[in-house]
Amino acid sequence: MTSASSYFAATYVEARGKFRDAAERAGARLSRYTNSTRGPAGEELTTDVAVLGPRDASRVLLTMSATHGAEGFCGSGVQVGSFASGIAGELPKGTALVAVHAINPHGFAWIRRVTEENVDLNRNFVDHAKALPRNDGYEELHDAICPREWSEESREATRGRFDEFVAREGAAAFQKAVSGGQYNHPDGIFYGGAAPTWARRTLMRILADQLAGVRSLALIDYHTGLGPWGHGEKIVTHRPGTAALRRAEEWYGDITNPALGNSSSAELHGDNLNGLDAVLAARNIEFTGMALEYGTLTLREVLDAVRADNWLHHHGAVDSKTGRALKAQIRDAFYGDRDDWKKMVFEQGASAQRTALKGLQG
């Protein structure tokens, strides 16, 4: 019996190869979208799409990896495993699977959450022609979140700022201030961008290419970094009171929703699930989206890894002893590179996929 660990990869290049090989063996139709940047070894960067099922399917399950690039190890492993194990082929009549591998290939290859534009793709789905969301908490803390030096002394100083904010505003307000999304500091973290990124535009192209005739769409977007080790939290961001949220509750049961205050995630500006709501509604597509979020390290360790990586790419040298140590740190924050974690991730991912396929049948 094949071990779940074999579905996962150590690098973007290996992950891409495993994905395409598994999809081809399963009989999927493959296409790719080439990013203009290159990887750390000069390698080509692509978003790859594999499709199983009828071309005129009215119901589609779409899975997506590497919205946050460094989290792509997780999603890629589930996608590879679903093809290799045969789960991807368990498609009811009139239903297709569309697997989008590495929607943010630059971040995956460079082991960064962000795109080549230093944008958090999951904060980029706003209307940039209108007034952008404000995040006063981030404005207050930006210089502490992103210090110009990365040392034990600077980290100790920023912890004092953070502790003071938490004491005054509360832990939930601190998490929202830091991670909710901000649009004023291109050199900061959780930056939503000044325009749609290549990755966002590419996702729109994929939807246009693959969803002709679709009436019902389920999306599972794989994420890591929040919650207990290996636990997959089913985060749904459809607004309270909507039919989409009710469907997700009926399908998955134990979902969470940041707007209801029961999620490990803060309520976000510009996330892809809410961003796609209006796009798909305009095409009369019934949409049920979910982010499957797997835990790794503590929230503080994950946040420090994100801050350190941001410092490294703006002020440090990636190809240095310090740079290599910080890249290992962010990899650990978003990839639980152990057999038990991979087994938990794949089994929960496979279960969610089967649940979505059942839900799509109405």
Foldseek 3Di string as FASTA:
>chain_A
DDALLVLFDDALVVLVVLLVVLLVVLVWDKDWDWDPDAFPVRHTFIWMKTKDDDLQAQEEEEEEALLQQLLLRLSSSLNSCCSNVVVLVPFDPSYMYIYTHPLQRHCNRHNGRAHPLLANSQQQLDDLVDDADAQVLLVVLVCLLAPLDDDPVSVVVSVVVLVVCCVVPNPLSSQCSQQQEHDDDSLTHNHRDNHNDPSRVVVVVCCVVRCVNHAEYEYEYEFEQFDDQLAWAKEFADDPPDPLVVLCCVLPPRHDYQVVVPDSHHNHHRGPRVSCPVVVVVVNHHYHYIYTYHYFDDNVLQSVLNSLQSSCVVNHPCPDPSNVVSSVSSSRSNDVSDSVSSNSSNVVSSVSVVSVSVSSVD
